[in-house]
Amino acid sequence: MVTIPMGHAVECLFMMRHAASSAPTPIALERDPAAALAQVRAQWGGHGPLWVFAYASLLWRPEFEVAQQKLARVQGWHRALQMWSRVNRGTPAQPGLVFALLPGGSCWGMVQQVPPTQANEVLDRLWFREMPTGVYEPRWLRCHTEQGWVKALAFTLPPSSPQNTGRLAPEQYQRIFSDPVGGRYGTTLDYAQQTYERLLELGIHDQALADLLHWAP
C-alpha cells in the first residue's frame, strides 16, 4: 500500500474534483483579463513606481519582491469575504470564498511597492493569480499612509457582479469553511484565517472577519 502525504492527497482530491466539475460547468468570464491588463499597463505608463494595495492574501503571500511597504487606508471601500471563488479557493461544483473590496466604509491594509525593473513581470503574475476569470475590477485607489498618499492598484468587485455573494446564511459559511480541499491555492478557511492573523500582526482588527470565523469548525 502506498501512503500519500496529506498535502499531496488534498492536491489530488482537488485535481480530481476540478476535472470532474469544470467540464460540464464552464467558468464564464466577466471581463477579458488580457484587455484589463493592457488597460492597467497603459494607465500606469511604465514610469514611476508601481504600488499595489494589499488587503487579503497579498499581505502574507505577495509572491513578488516588495521594495518597500507601508500601512495604508483607503476610503470608500471595505474588505469583505463576499466573492465566489471557482478556481483559487473552490471549483465550479463547490465554490469557495475570497475577499474583495466593495464600495462603502474604509479599509486598512498595506501598500507594496514593486521594484521598477520587475513591474511588468509582477503584473503578469498578479493577473494569473487574481484575474483567472476576470471577476475583479482593477482600480487605482488613493491610499493614505503616514508619509502621505500613494496611488495603488487594487482589485475591487462591483456590487452588481453575479459573483458578489452578499451576506450568506450561517450554515453556508459552516459548509464552506468545512471544505477540506478548496481550490488551486487551498481552502477558504486557511485563506481567511491567515488573512485574519496577518491583520492582527499589523495591528488591524477586522471585526466582520472575526465574526465570520466563529462559524469555522
N, C-alpha and C. Protein backbone atom coordinates (compact mmCIF):
# COMPACT_ATOMS: atom_id res chain seq x y z
N MET A 1 0.85 -1.20 0.00
CA MET A 1 0.00 0.00 0.00
C MET A 1 0.88 1.24 0.00
N VAL A 2 0.53 2.22 -0.85
CA VAL A 2 1.27 3.47 -0.91
C VAL A 2 0.52 4.53 -0.12
N THR A 3 1.20 5.16 0.80
CA THR A 3 0.59 6.23 1.59
C THR A 3 0.91 7.57 0.96
N ILE A 4 -0.12 8.32 0.61
CA ILE A 4 0.07 9.64 0.01
C ILE A 4 0.13 10.67 1.11
N PRO A 5 1.18 11.51 1.18
CA PRO A 5 1.24 12.56 2.18
C PRO A 5 0.00 13.43 2.10
N MET A 6 -0.41 13.99 3.26
CA MET A 6 -1.66 14.74 3.32
C MET A 6 -1.71 15.86 2.29
N GLY A 7 -0.60 16.61 2.14
CA GLY A 7 -0.63 17.71 1.17
C GLY A 7 -0.88 17.21 -0.23
N HIS A 8 -0.23 16.10 -0.60
CA HIS A 8 -0.43 15.55 -1.95
C HIS A 8 -1.83 14.97 -2.09
N ALA A 9 -2.33 14.38 -1.02
CA ALA A 9 -3.68 13.81 -1.09
C ALA A 9 -4.71 14.90 -1.35
N VAL A 10 -4.58 16.03 -0.65
CA VAL A 10 -5.51 17.14 -0.85
C VAL A 10 -5.38 17.67 -2.27
N GLU A 11 -4.14 17.78 -2.77
CA GLU A 11 -3.94 18.27 -4.14
C GLU A 11 -4.58 17.32 -5.14
N CYS A 12 -4.43 16.01 -4.92
CA CYS A 12 -5.04 15.03 -5.84
C CYS A 12 -6.56 15.14 -5.81
N LEU A 13 -7.13 15.30 -4.61
CA LEU A 13 -8.58 15.44 -4.50
C LEU A 13 -9.06 16.66 -5.24
N PHE A 14 -8.30 17.79 -5.11
CA PHE A 14 -8.69 19.00 -5.82
C PHE A 14 -8.66 18.79 -7.32
N MET A 15 -7.58 18.16 -7.82
CA MET A 15 -7.46 17.96 -9.25
C MET A 15 -8.56 17.07 -9.79
N MET A 16 -8.92 16.02 -9.04
CA MET A 16 -9.99 15.13 -9.49
C MET A 16 -11.33 15.85 -9.47
N ARG A 17 -11.57 16.62 -8.40
CA ARG A 17 -12.83 17.35 -8.31
C ARG A 17 -12.92 18.38 -9.43
N HIS A 18 -11.82 19.10 -9.66
CA HIS A 18 -11.83 20.14 -10.69
C HIS A 18 -12.04 19.54 -12.08
N ALA A 19 -11.39 18.42 -12.33
CA ALA A 19 -11.54 17.77 -13.64
C ALA A 19 -12.97 17.29 -13.85
N ALA A 20 -13.58 16.79 -12.78
CA ALA A 20 -14.93 16.26 -12.90
C ALA A 20 -15.97 17.37 -13.00
N SER A 21 -15.66 18.53 -12.39
CA SER A 21 -16.70 19.56 -12.31
C SER A 21 -16.58 20.64 -13.35
N SER A 22 -15.34 20.93 -13.81
CA SER A 22 -15.18 22.10 -14.67
C SER A 22 -15.68 21.87 -16.09
N ALA A 23 -15.65 20.63 -16.57
CA ALA A 23 -16.08 20.37 -17.95
C ALA A 23 -17.55 20.68 -18.17
N PRO A 24 -18.48 20.16 -17.34
CA PRO A 24 -19.89 20.44 -17.58
C PRO A 24 -20.32 21.84 -17.14
N THR A 25 -19.49 22.53 -16.36
CA THR A 25 -19.87 23.84 -15.87
C THR A 25 -18.76 24.83 -16.20
N PRO A 26 -18.66 25.30 -17.44
CA PRO A 26 -17.60 26.23 -17.82
C PRO A 26 -17.71 27.52 -17.03
N ILE A 27 -16.54 28.11 -16.73
CA ILE A 27 -16.49 29.35 -15.96
C ILE A 27 -16.60 30.52 -16.93
N ALA A 28 -17.62 31.32 -16.77
CA ALA A 28 -17.83 32.46 -17.66
C ALA A 28 -16.94 33.63 -17.22
N LEU A 29 -16.35 34.30 -18.19
CA LEU A 29 -15.54 35.47 -17.91
C LEU A 29 -16.43 36.69 -17.78
N GLU A 30 -16.23 37.49 -16.71
CA GLU A 30 -17.00 38.72 -16.56
C GLU A 30 -16.38 39.84 -17.37
N ARG A 31 -15.06 39.81 -17.53
CA ARG A 31 -14.36 40.78 -18.38
C ARG A 31 -13.13 40.09 -18.93
N ASP A 32 -12.62 40.59 -20.00
CA ASP A 32 -11.44 40.00 -20.63
C ASP A 32 -10.21 40.33 -19.80
N PRO A 33 -9.58 39.33 -19.16
CA PRO A 33 -8.41 39.62 -18.32
C PRO A 33 -7.27 40.28 -19.10
N ALA A 34 -7.05 39.85 -20.35
CA ALA A 34 -5.97 40.43 -21.14
C ALA A 34 -6.22 41.91 -21.43
N ALA A 35 -7.46 42.25 -21.75
CA ALA A 35 -7.79 43.65 -22.02
C ALA A 35 -7.66 44.49 -20.75
N ALA A 36 -8.06 43.93 -19.62
CA ALA A 36 -7.94 44.65 -18.35
C ALA A 36 -6.47 44.89 -18.01
N LEU A 37 -5.63 43.89 -18.27
CA LEU A 37 -4.20 44.05 -18.00
C LEU A 37 -3.59 45.11 -18.91
N ALA A 38 -3.96 45.10 -20.17
CA ALA A 38 -3.45 46.11 -21.10
C ALA A 38 -3.86 47.51 -20.66
N GLN A 39 -5.08 47.65 -20.18
CA GLN A 39 -5.56 48.95 -19.72
C GLN A 39 -4.78 49.42 -18.50
N VAL A 40 -4.54 48.51 -17.55
CA VAL A 40 -3.78 48.87 -16.35
C VAL A 40 -2.36 49.27 -16.72
N ARG A 41 -1.74 48.54 -17.64
CA ARG A 41 -0.38 48.88 -18.07
C ARG A 41 -0.35 50.27 -18.71
N ALA A 42 -1.37 50.56 -19.53
CA ALA A 42 -1.42 51.87 -20.19
C ALA A 42 -1.62 52.98 -19.16
N GLN A 43 -2.47 52.73 -18.16
CA GLN A 43 -2.73 53.73 -17.13
C GLN A 43 -1.49 53.98 -16.28
N TRP A 44 -0.75 52.91 -15.98
CA TRP A 44 0.48 53.06 -15.20
C TRP A 44 1.54 53.77 -16.04
N GLY A 45 1.68 53.37 -17.28
CA GLY A 45 2.57 54.05 -18.20
C GLY A 45 4.01 53.59 -18.18
N GLY A 46 4.38 52.75 -17.20
CA GLY A 46 5.75 52.27 -17.13
C GLY A 46 6.73 53.27 -16.55
N HIS A 47 6.22 54.38 -16.05
CA HIS A 47 7.08 55.41 -15.48
C HIS A 47 6.73 55.59 -14.00
N GLY A 48 7.73 55.71 -13.19
CA GLY A 48 7.48 55.87 -11.77
C GLY A 48 7.20 54.54 -11.10
N PRO A 49 7.04 54.56 -9.78
CA PRO A 49 6.85 53.31 -9.03
C PRO A 49 5.48 52.69 -9.28
N LEU A 50 5.43 51.38 -9.16
CA LEU A 50 4.17 50.65 -9.22
C LEU A 50 3.83 50.21 -7.80
N TRP A 51 2.70 50.68 -7.31
CA TRP A 51 2.23 50.32 -5.97
C TRP A 51 1.01 49.42 -6.09
N VAL A 52 0.90 48.46 -5.16
CA VAL A 52 -0.25 47.55 -5.09
C VAL A 52 -0.83 47.65 -3.69
N PHE A 53 -2.16 47.76 -3.60
CA PHE A 53 -2.81 47.78 -2.29
C PHE A 53 -3.16 46.35 -1.90
N ALA A 54 -2.54 45.89 -0.82
CA ALA A 54 -2.75 44.52 -0.33
C ALA A 54 -3.73 44.57 0.84
N TYR A 55 -4.80 43.78 0.75
CA TYR A 55 -5.79 43.78 1.82
C TYR A 55 -6.19 42.37 2.27
N ALA A 56 -5.67 41.33 1.58
CA ALA A 56 -6.00 39.95 1.96
C ALA A 56 -4.74 39.10 1.79
N SER A 57 -4.76 38.11 0.89
CA SER A 57 -3.62 37.18 0.80
C SER A 57 -2.33 37.85 0.36
N LEU A 58 -2.39 38.97 -0.33
CA LEU A 58 -1.16 39.67 -0.71
C LEU A 58 -0.42 40.17 0.52
N LEU A 59 -1.12 40.28 1.65
CA LEU A 59 -0.46 40.69 2.89
C LEU A 59 0.51 39.63 3.39
N TRP A 60 0.17 38.36 3.19
CA TRP A 60 1.00 37.28 3.74
C TRP A 60 1.61 36.39 2.67
N ARG A 61 1.24 36.59 1.41
CA ARG A 61 1.85 35.82 0.32
C ARG A 61 1.88 36.67 -0.94
N PRO A 62 2.75 37.69 -0.98
CA PRO A 62 2.77 38.57 -2.16
C PRO A 62 3.32 37.90 -3.41
N GLU A 63 4.20 36.95 -3.26
CA GLU A 63 4.78 36.24 -4.41
C GLU A 63 5.60 37.15 -5.32
N PHE A 64 6.04 38.30 -4.81
CA PHE A 64 6.97 39.14 -5.55
C PHE A 64 7.81 39.90 -4.53
N GLU A 65 8.96 40.34 -4.99
CA GLU A 65 9.83 41.12 -4.12
C GLU A 65 9.18 42.46 -3.83
N VAL A 66 9.09 42.80 -2.56
CA VAL A 66 8.49 44.07 -2.16
C VAL A 66 9.62 45.05 -1.83
N ALA A 67 9.74 46.11 -2.61
CA ALA A 67 10.81 47.08 -2.39
C ALA A 67 10.61 47.84 -1.09
N GLN A 68 9.37 48.21 -0.82
CA GLN A 68 9.00 48.83 0.45
C GLN A 68 7.50 48.69 0.63
N GLN A 69 7.06 48.74 1.87
CA GLN A 69 5.63 48.66 2.14
C GLN A 69 5.27 49.54 3.34
N LYS A 70 4.03 50.00 3.33
CA LYS A 70 3.56 50.91 4.37
C LYS A 70 2.12 50.58 4.72
N LEU A 71 1.78 50.74 5.99
CA LEU A 71 0.37 50.66 6.37
C LEU A 71 -0.40 51.73 5.62
N ALA A 72 -1.58 51.38 5.13
CA ALA A 72 -2.34 52.34 4.34
C ALA A 72 -3.84 52.11 4.55
N ARG A 73 -4.59 53.17 4.32
CA ARG A 73 -6.04 53.12 4.46
C ARG A 73 -6.67 53.71 3.21
N VAL A 74 -7.67 53.00 2.68
CA VAL A 74 -8.43 53.54 1.55
C VAL A 74 -9.83 53.90 2.05
N GLN A 75 -10.32 55.02 1.59
CA GLN A 75 -11.64 55.50 1.97
C GLN A 75 -12.62 55.17 0.85
N GLY A 76 -13.83 54.74 1.25
CA GLY A 76 -14.86 54.46 0.27
C GLY A 76 -14.93 53.01 -0.16
N TRP A 77 -14.08 52.15 0.43
CA TRP A 77 -14.07 50.73 0.11
C TRP A 77 -13.85 49.93 1.39
N HIS A 78 -14.41 48.72 1.44
CA HIS A 78 -14.19 47.87 2.61
C HIS A 78 -13.89 46.44 2.17
N ARG A 79 -13.14 45.73 3.01
CA ARG A 79 -12.79 44.34 2.77
C ARG A 79 -13.98 43.46 3.14
N ALA A 80 -14.31 42.50 2.27
CA ALA A 80 -15.44 41.61 2.54
C ALA A 80 -15.18 40.23 1.94
N LEU A 81 -15.45 39.19 2.70
CA LEU A 81 -15.34 37.82 2.21
C LEU A 81 -16.65 37.47 1.50
N GLN A 82 -16.84 38.11 0.34
CA GLN A 82 -18.13 38.04 -0.33
C GLN A 82 -18.00 37.83 -1.84
N MET A 83 -16.99 37.07 -2.25
CA MET A 83 -16.86 36.79 -3.67
C MET A 83 -16.67 35.29 -3.89
N TRP A 84 -17.50 34.71 -4.74
CA TRP A 84 -17.37 33.29 -5.05
C TRP A 84 -16.03 33.03 -5.72
N SER A 85 -15.41 31.93 -5.36
CA SER A 85 -14.13 31.53 -5.97
C SER A 85 -14.28 30.13 -6.53
N ARG A 86 -14.17 30.01 -7.86
CA ARG A 86 -14.32 28.72 -8.52
C ARG A 86 -13.00 28.19 -9.08
N VAL A 87 -11.91 28.88 -8.75
CA VAL A 87 -10.58 28.45 -9.18
C VAL A 87 -9.62 28.42 -7.99
N ASN A 88 -9.37 29.59 -7.39
CA ASN A 88 -8.34 29.69 -6.36
C ASN A 88 -8.70 29.00 -5.04
N ARG A 89 -9.97 29.10 -4.62
CA ARG A 89 -10.38 28.54 -3.32
C ARG A 89 -11.59 27.62 -3.43
N GLY A 90 -11.89 27.19 -4.65
CA GLY A 90 -13.00 26.28 -4.85
C GLY A 90 -13.02 25.80 -6.29
N THR A 91 -14.11 25.18 -6.67
CA THR A 91 -14.30 24.69 -8.03
C THR A 91 -15.68 25.12 -8.50
N PRO A 92 -15.99 24.96 -9.79
CA PRO A 92 -17.33 25.29 -10.24
C PRO A 92 -18.43 24.53 -9.50
N ALA A 93 -18.15 23.26 -9.15
CA ALA A 93 -19.15 22.45 -8.45
C ALA A 93 -19.23 22.78 -6.97
N GLN A 94 -18.13 23.22 -6.38
CA GLN A 94 -18.10 23.53 -4.95
C GLN A 94 -17.31 24.81 -4.74
N PRO A 95 -17.93 25.97 -4.98
CA PRO A 95 -17.22 27.24 -4.87
C PRO A 95 -16.78 27.53 -3.43
N GLY A 96 -15.65 28.21 -3.34
CA GLY A 96 -15.22 28.76 -2.06
C GLY A 96 -15.45 30.26 -2.05
N LEU A 97 -14.83 30.94 -1.12
CA LEU A 97 -14.97 32.39 -1.00
C LEU A 97 -13.60 33.04 -0.98
N VAL A 98 -13.52 34.25 -1.52
CA VAL A 98 -12.33 35.07 -1.41
C VAL A 98 -12.75 36.50 -1.07
N PHE A 99 -11.78 37.27 -0.60
CA PHE A 99 -12.04 38.66 -0.26
C PHE A 99 -12.11 39.53 -1.51
N ALA A 100 -12.84 40.62 -1.38
CA ALA A 100 -12.88 41.64 -2.42
C ALA A 100 -13.03 42.99 -1.72
N LEU A 101 -12.71 44.04 -2.44
CA LEU A 101 -13.02 45.38 -1.96
C LEU A 101 -14.37 45.78 -2.54
N LEU A 102 -15.30 46.09 -1.65
CA LEU A 102 -16.65 46.51 -2.05
C LEU A 102 -16.86 47.97 -1.64
N PRO A 103 -17.72 48.68 -2.37
CA PRO A 103 -17.93 50.10 -2.06
C PRO A 103 -18.48 50.32 -0.66
N GLY A 104 -18.04 51.42 -0.04
CA GLY A 104 -18.53 51.83 1.27
C GLY A 104 -17.51 51.62 2.37
N GLY A 105 -17.54 52.52 3.34
CA GLY A 105 -16.67 52.37 4.51
C GLY A 105 -15.22 52.69 4.19
N SER A 106 -14.33 51.97 4.85
CA SER A 106 -12.90 52.16 4.64
C SER A 106 -12.19 50.84 4.90
N CYS A 107 -10.93 50.76 4.50
CA CYS A 107 -10.19 49.52 4.63
C CYS A 107 -8.72 49.81 4.92
N TRP A 108 -8.21 49.16 5.98
CA TRP A 108 -6.79 49.21 6.28
C TRP A 108 -6.10 48.03 5.62
N GLY A 109 -4.90 48.27 5.11
CA GLY A 109 -4.08 47.22 4.53
C GLY A 109 -2.67 47.73 4.40
N MET A 110 -1.97 47.28 3.36
CA MET A 110 -0.60 47.72 3.10
C MET A 110 -0.47 48.11 1.63
N VAL A 111 0.30 49.16 1.38
CA VAL A 111 0.71 49.44 0.01
C VAL A 111 2.10 48.84 -0.17
N GLN A 112 2.26 48.10 -1.25
CA GLN A 112 3.52 47.41 -1.54
C GLN A 112 4.09 47.96 -2.84
N GLN A 113 5.33 48.38 -2.76
CA GLN A 113 5.98 48.92 -3.96
C GLN A 113 6.75 47.82 -4.67
N VAL A 114 6.52 47.71 -5.97
CA VAL A 114 7.20 46.72 -6.81
C VAL A 114 8.46 47.35 -7.38
N PRO A 115 9.60 46.64 -7.34
CA PRO A 115 10.81 47.18 -7.98
C PRO A 115 10.53 47.50 -9.45
N PRO A 116 10.93 48.69 -9.93
CA PRO A 116 10.60 49.10 -11.30
C PRO A 116 11.01 48.09 -12.36
N THR A 117 12.16 47.46 -12.20
CA THR A 117 12.62 46.52 -13.23
C THR A 117 11.80 45.25 -13.28
N GLN A 118 10.99 45.00 -12.24
CA GLN A 118 10.19 43.78 -12.18
C GLN A 118 8.70 44.03 -12.40
N ALA A 119 8.32 45.28 -12.60
CA ALA A 119 6.91 45.65 -12.59
C ALA A 119 6.09 44.91 -13.64
N ASN A 120 6.56 44.84 -14.86
CA ASN A 120 5.78 44.18 -15.91
C ASN A 120 5.62 42.69 -15.63
N GLU A 121 6.68 42.06 -15.15
CA GLU A 121 6.59 40.64 -14.80
C GLU A 121 5.62 40.44 -13.64
N VAL A 122 5.67 41.32 -12.65
CA VAL A 122 4.77 41.20 -11.49
C VAL A 122 3.32 41.36 -11.91
N LEU A 123 3.04 42.28 -12.83
CA LEU A 123 1.67 42.44 -13.30
C LEU A 123 1.17 41.15 -13.95
N ASP A 124 2.02 40.51 -14.74
CA ASP A 124 1.63 39.23 -15.35
C ASP A 124 1.30 38.20 -14.27
N ARG A 125 2.12 38.13 -13.24
CA ARG A 125 1.91 37.15 -12.17
C ARG A 125 0.66 37.48 -11.36
N LEU A 126 0.43 38.76 -11.13
CA LEU A 126 -0.79 39.17 -10.41
C LEU A 126 -2.03 38.78 -11.21
N TRP A 127 -1.97 38.95 -12.52
CA TRP A 127 -3.14 38.61 -13.35
C TRP A 127 -3.41 37.11 -13.34
N PHE A 128 -2.36 36.31 -13.38
CA PHE A 128 -2.53 34.86 -13.31
C PHE A 128 -3.18 34.48 -11.98
N ARG A 129 -2.77 35.14 -10.93
CA ARG A 129 -3.26 34.81 -9.59
C ARG A 129 -4.65 35.39 -9.30
N GLU A 130 -4.84 36.66 -9.60
CA GLU A 130 -6.05 37.36 -9.18
C GLU A 130 -7.14 37.44 -10.25
N MET A 131 -6.79 37.27 -11.51
CA MET A 131 -7.76 37.51 -12.59
C MET A 131 -7.96 36.32 -13.52
N PRO A 132 -7.98 35.07 -13.01
CA PRO A 132 -8.15 33.94 -13.93
C PRO A 132 -9.49 33.94 -14.65
N THR A 133 -10.51 34.49 -14.00
CA THR A 133 -11.84 34.54 -14.63
C THR A 133 -12.32 35.97 -14.87
N GLY A 134 -11.45 36.95 -14.63
CA GLY A 134 -11.80 38.34 -14.91
C GLY A 134 -12.89 38.90 -14.02
N VAL A 135 -13.03 38.37 -12.80
CA VAL A 135 -14.11 38.83 -11.92
C VAL A 135 -13.80 40.18 -11.29
N TYR A 136 -12.60 40.33 -10.78
CA TYR A 136 -12.24 41.60 -10.15
C TYR A 136 -12.25 42.74 -11.17
N GLU A 137 -12.48 43.93 -10.66
CA GLU A 137 -12.36 45.15 -11.46
C GLU A 137 -11.16 45.93 -10.93
N PRO A 138 -10.02 45.88 -11.63
CA PRO A 138 -8.83 46.59 -11.14
C PRO A 138 -9.07 48.10 -11.16
N ARG A 139 -8.65 48.75 -10.09
CA ARG A 139 -8.79 50.20 -9.97
C ARG A 139 -7.53 50.79 -9.35
N TRP A 140 -7.29 52.05 -9.65
CA TRP A 140 -6.23 52.80 -9.00
C TRP A 140 -6.86 53.61 -7.88
N LEU A 141 -6.47 53.30 -6.66
CA LEU A 141 -7.08 53.94 -5.49
C LEU A 141 -6.07 54.85 -4.77
N ARG A 142 -6.60 55.88 -4.19
CA ARG A 142 -5.79 56.80 -3.36
C ARG A 142 -5.65 56.17 -1.98
N CYS A 143 -4.44 55.81 -1.61
CA CYS A 143 -4.18 55.12 -0.35
C CYS A 143 -3.41 56.06 0.58
N HIS A 144 -3.93 56.24 1.78
CA HIS A 144 -3.34 57.19 2.72
C HIS A 144 -2.39 56.48 3.67
N THR A 145 -1.17 56.99 3.77
CA THR A 145 -0.16 56.47 4.69
C THR A 145 0.30 57.61 5.60
N GLU A 146 1.11 57.28 6.61
CA GLU A 146 1.64 58.32 7.50
C GLU A 146 2.55 59.28 6.75
N GLN A 147 3.15 58.82 5.66
CA GLN A 147 4.05 59.65 4.88
C GLN A 147 3.36 60.40 3.73
N GLY A 148 2.05 60.27 3.65
CA GLY A 148 1.32 60.88 2.54
C GLY A 148 0.56 59.82 1.77
N TRP A 149 -0.03 60.21 0.67
CA TRP A 149 -0.85 59.26 -0.09
C TRP A 149 -0.10 58.77 -1.33
N VAL A 150 -0.44 57.55 -1.74
CA VAL A 150 0.09 56.99 -2.97
C VAL A 150 -1.07 56.42 -3.78
N LYS A 151 -0.91 56.39 -5.08
CA LYS A 151 -1.90 55.76 -5.96
C LYS A 151 -1.49 54.32 -6.16
N ALA A 152 -2.37 53.40 -5.80
CA ALA A 152 -2.02 51.98 -5.86
C ALA A 152 -3.10 51.18 -6.59
N LEU A 153 -2.65 50.10 -7.21
CA LEU A 153 -3.56 49.20 -7.90
C LEU A 153 -4.27 48.32 -6.88
N ALA A 154 -5.58 48.21 -7.00
CA ALA A 154 -6.37 47.38 -6.09
C ALA A 154 -7.39 46.59 -6.89
N PHE A 155 -7.76 45.43 -6.34
CA PHE A 155 -8.72 44.56 -7.00
C PHE A 155 -10.06 44.68 -6.29
N THR A 156 -11.03 45.29 -6.98
CA THR A 156 -12.34 45.59 -6.40
C THR A 156 -13.41 44.71 -7.07
N LEU A 157 -14.59 44.71 -6.47
CA LEU A 157 -15.71 43.94 -7.01
C LEU A 157 -16.94 44.83 -7.14
N PRO A 158 -17.51 44.95 -8.34
CA PRO A 158 -18.74 45.72 -8.47
C PRO A 158 -19.87 45.05 -7.68
N PRO A 159 -20.68 45.81 -6.97
CA PRO A 159 -21.80 45.22 -6.22
C PRO A 159 -22.75 44.42 -7.10
N SER A 160 -22.84 44.79 -8.39
CA SER A 160 -23.77 44.12 -9.30
C SER A 160 -23.22 42.80 -9.84
N SER A 161 -21.98 42.50 -9.54
CA SER A 161 -21.38 41.27 -10.07
C SER A 161 -22.14 40.04 -9.59
N PRO A 162 -22.38 39.06 -10.47
CA PRO A 162 -23.03 37.82 -10.03
C PRO A 162 -22.16 37.02 -9.08
N GLN A 163 -20.88 37.36 -8.97
CA GLN A 163 -20.00 36.67 -8.03
C GLN A 163 -20.02 37.29 -6.64
N ASN A 164 -20.76 38.39 -6.49
CA ASN A 164 -20.92 39.01 -5.16
C ASN A 164 -21.95 38.19 -4.39
N THR A 165 -21.51 37.54 -3.33
CA THR A 165 -22.40 36.62 -2.59
C THR A 165 -23.39 37.34 -1.70
N GLY A 166 -23.08 38.59 -1.32
CA GLY A 166 -23.87 39.21 -0.27
C GLY A 166 -23.61 38.47 1.04
N ARG A 167 -24.46 38.73 2.00
CA ARG A 167 -24.34 38.05 3.30
C ARG A 167 -24.97 36.67 3.19
N LEU A 168 -24.19 35.63 3.48
CA LEU A 168 -24.69 34.26 3.41
C LEU A 168 -25.28 33.83 4.75
N ALA A 169 -26.04 32.74 4.71
CA ALA A 169 -26.59 32.16 5.93
C ALA A 169 -25.47 31.46 6.71
N PRO A 170 -25.58 31.39 8.03
CA PRO A 170 -24.54 30.74 8.85
C PRO A 170 -24.19 29.34 8.38
N GLU A 171 -25.19 28.56 7.99
CA GLU A 171 -24.90 27.18 7.56
C GLU A 171 -24.09 27.14 6.27
N GLN A 172 -24.21 28.18 5.44
CA GLN A 172 -23.40 28.23 4.22
C GLN A 172 -21.93 28.49 4.56
N TYR A 173 -21.69 29.41 5.49
CA TYR A 173 -20.31 29.64 5.93
C TYR A 173 -19.74 28.38 6.57
N GLN A 174 -20.53 27.70 7.37
CA GLN A 174 -20.06 26.47 8.00
C GLN A 174 -19.68 25.43 6.96
N ARG A 175 -20.50 25.30 5.92
CA ARG A 175 -20.21 24.31 4.87
C ARG A 175 -18.94 24.68 4.12
N ILE A 176 -18.81 25.96 3.76
CA ILE A 176 -17.63 26.39 3.01
C ILE A 176 -16.36 26.26 3.85
N PHE A 177 -16.43 26.66 5.11
CA PHE A 177 -15.26 26.56 5.98
C PHE A 177 -14.89 25.10 6.28
N SER A 178 -15.83 24.18 6.10
CA SER A 178 -15.55 22.76 6.37
C SER A 178 -14.98 22.03 5.17
N ASP A 179 -14.93 22.68 4.00
CA ASP A 179 -14.40 22.02 2.80
C ASP A 179 -12.90 21.79 2.98
N PRO A 180 -12.44 20.52 2.96
CA PRO A 180 -11.02 20.25 3.20
C PRO A 180 -10.13 20.37 1.97
N VAL A 181 -10.72 20.62 0.80
CA VAL A 181 -9.96 20.61 -0.45
C VAL A 181 -9.78 22.01 -1.01
N GLY A 182 -10.86 22.73 -1.25
CA GLY A 182 -10.78 24.09 -1.77
C GLY A 182 -10.42 24.14 -3.23
N GLY A 183 -9.47 25.02 -3.60
CA GLY A 183 -9.08 25.22 -4.99
C GLY A 183 -7.59 25.11 -5.16
N ARG A 184 -7.07 25.73 -6.21
CA ARG A 184 -5.66 25.54 -6.55
C ARG A 184 -4.73 26.12 -5.49
N TYR A 185 -5.20 27.08 -4.68
CA TYR A 185 -4.37 27.65 -3.62
C TYR A 185 -4.78 27.20 -2.23
N GLY A 186 -5.72 26.24 -2.14
CA GLY A 186 -6.11 25.75 -0.83
C GLY A 186 -7.54 26.11 -0.47
N THR A 187 -7.82 26.06 0.83
CA THR A 187 -9.20 26.21 1.30
C THR A 187 -9.54 27.65 1.68
N THR A 188 -10.83 27.91 1.72
CA THR A 188 -11.31 29.22 2.16
C THR A 188 -10.94 29.47 3.61
N LEU A 189 -11.06 28.45 4.45
CA LEU A 189 -10.79 28.63 5.88
C LEU A 189 -9.33 29.01 6.10
N ASP A 190 -8.40 28.31 5.47
CA ASP A 190 -6.98 28.63 5.63
C ASP A 190 -6.71 30.06 5.16
N TYR A 191 -7.29 30.42 4.05
CA TYR A 191 -7.13 31.77 3.47
C TYR A 191 -7.66 32.84 4.42
N ALA A 192 -8.85 32.61 4.97
CA ALA A 192 -9.44 33.59 5.87
C ALA A 192 -8.66 33.69 7.18
N GLN A 193 -8.25 32.56 7.72
CA GLN A 193 -7.51 32.57 8.98
C GLN A 193 -6.15 33.24 8.83
N GLN A 194 -5.45 32.93 7.75
CA GLN A 194 -4.14 33.55 7.56
C GLN A 194 -4.25 35.05 7.35
N THR A 195 -5.29 35.47 6.65
CA THR A 195 -5.51 36.90 6.48
C THR A 195 -5.80 37.56 7.82
N TYR A 196 -6.66 36.94 8.63
CA TYR A 196 -7.02 37.50 9.94
C TYR A 196 -5.78 37.60 10.83
N GLU A 197 -4.97 36.55 10.85
CA GLU A 197 -3.77 36.55 11.70
C GLU A 197 -2.77 37.60 11.25
N ARG A 198 -2.61 37.77 9.94
CA ARG A 198 -1.69 38.78 9.45
C ARG A 198 -2.19 40.19 9.77
N LEU A 199 -3.48 40.40 9.66
CA LEU A 199 -4.04 41.69 10.01
C LEU A 199 -3.76 42.02 11.48
N LEU A 200 -3.93 41.03 12.37
CA LEU A 200 -3.65 41.27 13.78
C LEU A 200 -2.18 41.61 14.00
N GLU A 201 -1.28 40.93 13.28
CA GLU A 201 0.15 41.23 13.40
C GLU A 201 0.44 42.68 13.01
N LEU A 202 -0.34 43.20 12.08
CA LEU A 202 -0.15 44.58 11.62
C LEU A 202 -0.90 45.59 12.49
N GLY A 203 -1.59 45.10 13.52
CA GLY A 203 -2.36 45.98 14.39
C GLY A 203 -3.71 46.37 13.84
N ILE A 204 -4.22 45.58 12.90
CA ILE A 204 -5.51 45.85 12.26
C ILE A 204 -6.53 44.83 12.75
N HIS A 205 -7.62 45.29 13.33
CA HIS A 205 -8.67 44.38 13.79
C HIS A 205 -9.87 44.50 12.86
N ASP A 206 -10.21 43.40 12.21
CA ASP A 206 -11.35 43.34 11.30
C ASP A 206 -12.46 42.56 12.00
N GLN A 207 -13.40 43.29 12.60
CA GLN A 207 -14.45 42.66 13.39
C GLN A 207 -15.37 41.81 12.52
N ALA A 208 -15.64 42.25 11.31
CA ALA A 208 -16.52 41.47 10.43
C ALA A 208 -15.91 40.11 10.13
N LEU A 209 -14.61 40.08 9.90
CA LEU A 209 -13.94 38.81 9.63
C LEU A 209 -13.89 37.95 10.89
N ALA A 210 -13.64 38.56 12.03
CA ALA A 210 -13.64 37.81 13.29
C ALA A 210 -14.99 37.15 13.52
N ASP A 211 -16.07 37.87 13.21
CA ASP A 211 -17.42 37.31 13.39
C ASP A 211 -17.65 36.13 12.46
N LEU A 212 -17.19 36.23 11.21
CA LEU A 212 -17.37 35.12 10.26
C LEU A 212 -16.62 33.88 10.71
N LEU A 213 -15.42 34.06 11.26
CA LEU A 213 -14.61 32.91 11.67
C LEU A 213 -15.22 32.15 12.85
N HIS A 214 -16.20 32.73 13.49
CA HIS A 214 -16.92 32.00 14.55
C HIS A 214 -17.65 30.79 13.98
N TRP A 215 -17.90 30.81 12.67
CA TRP A 215 -18.61 29.67 12.03
C TRP A 215 -17.65 28.59 11.57
N ALA A 216 -16.35 28.77 11.80
CA ALA A 216 -15.38 27.75 11.41
C ALA A 216 -15.52 26.52 12.32
N PRO A 217 -15.27 25.32 11.79
CA PRO A 217 -15.41 24.11 12.61
C PRO A 217 -14.32 24.04 13.68
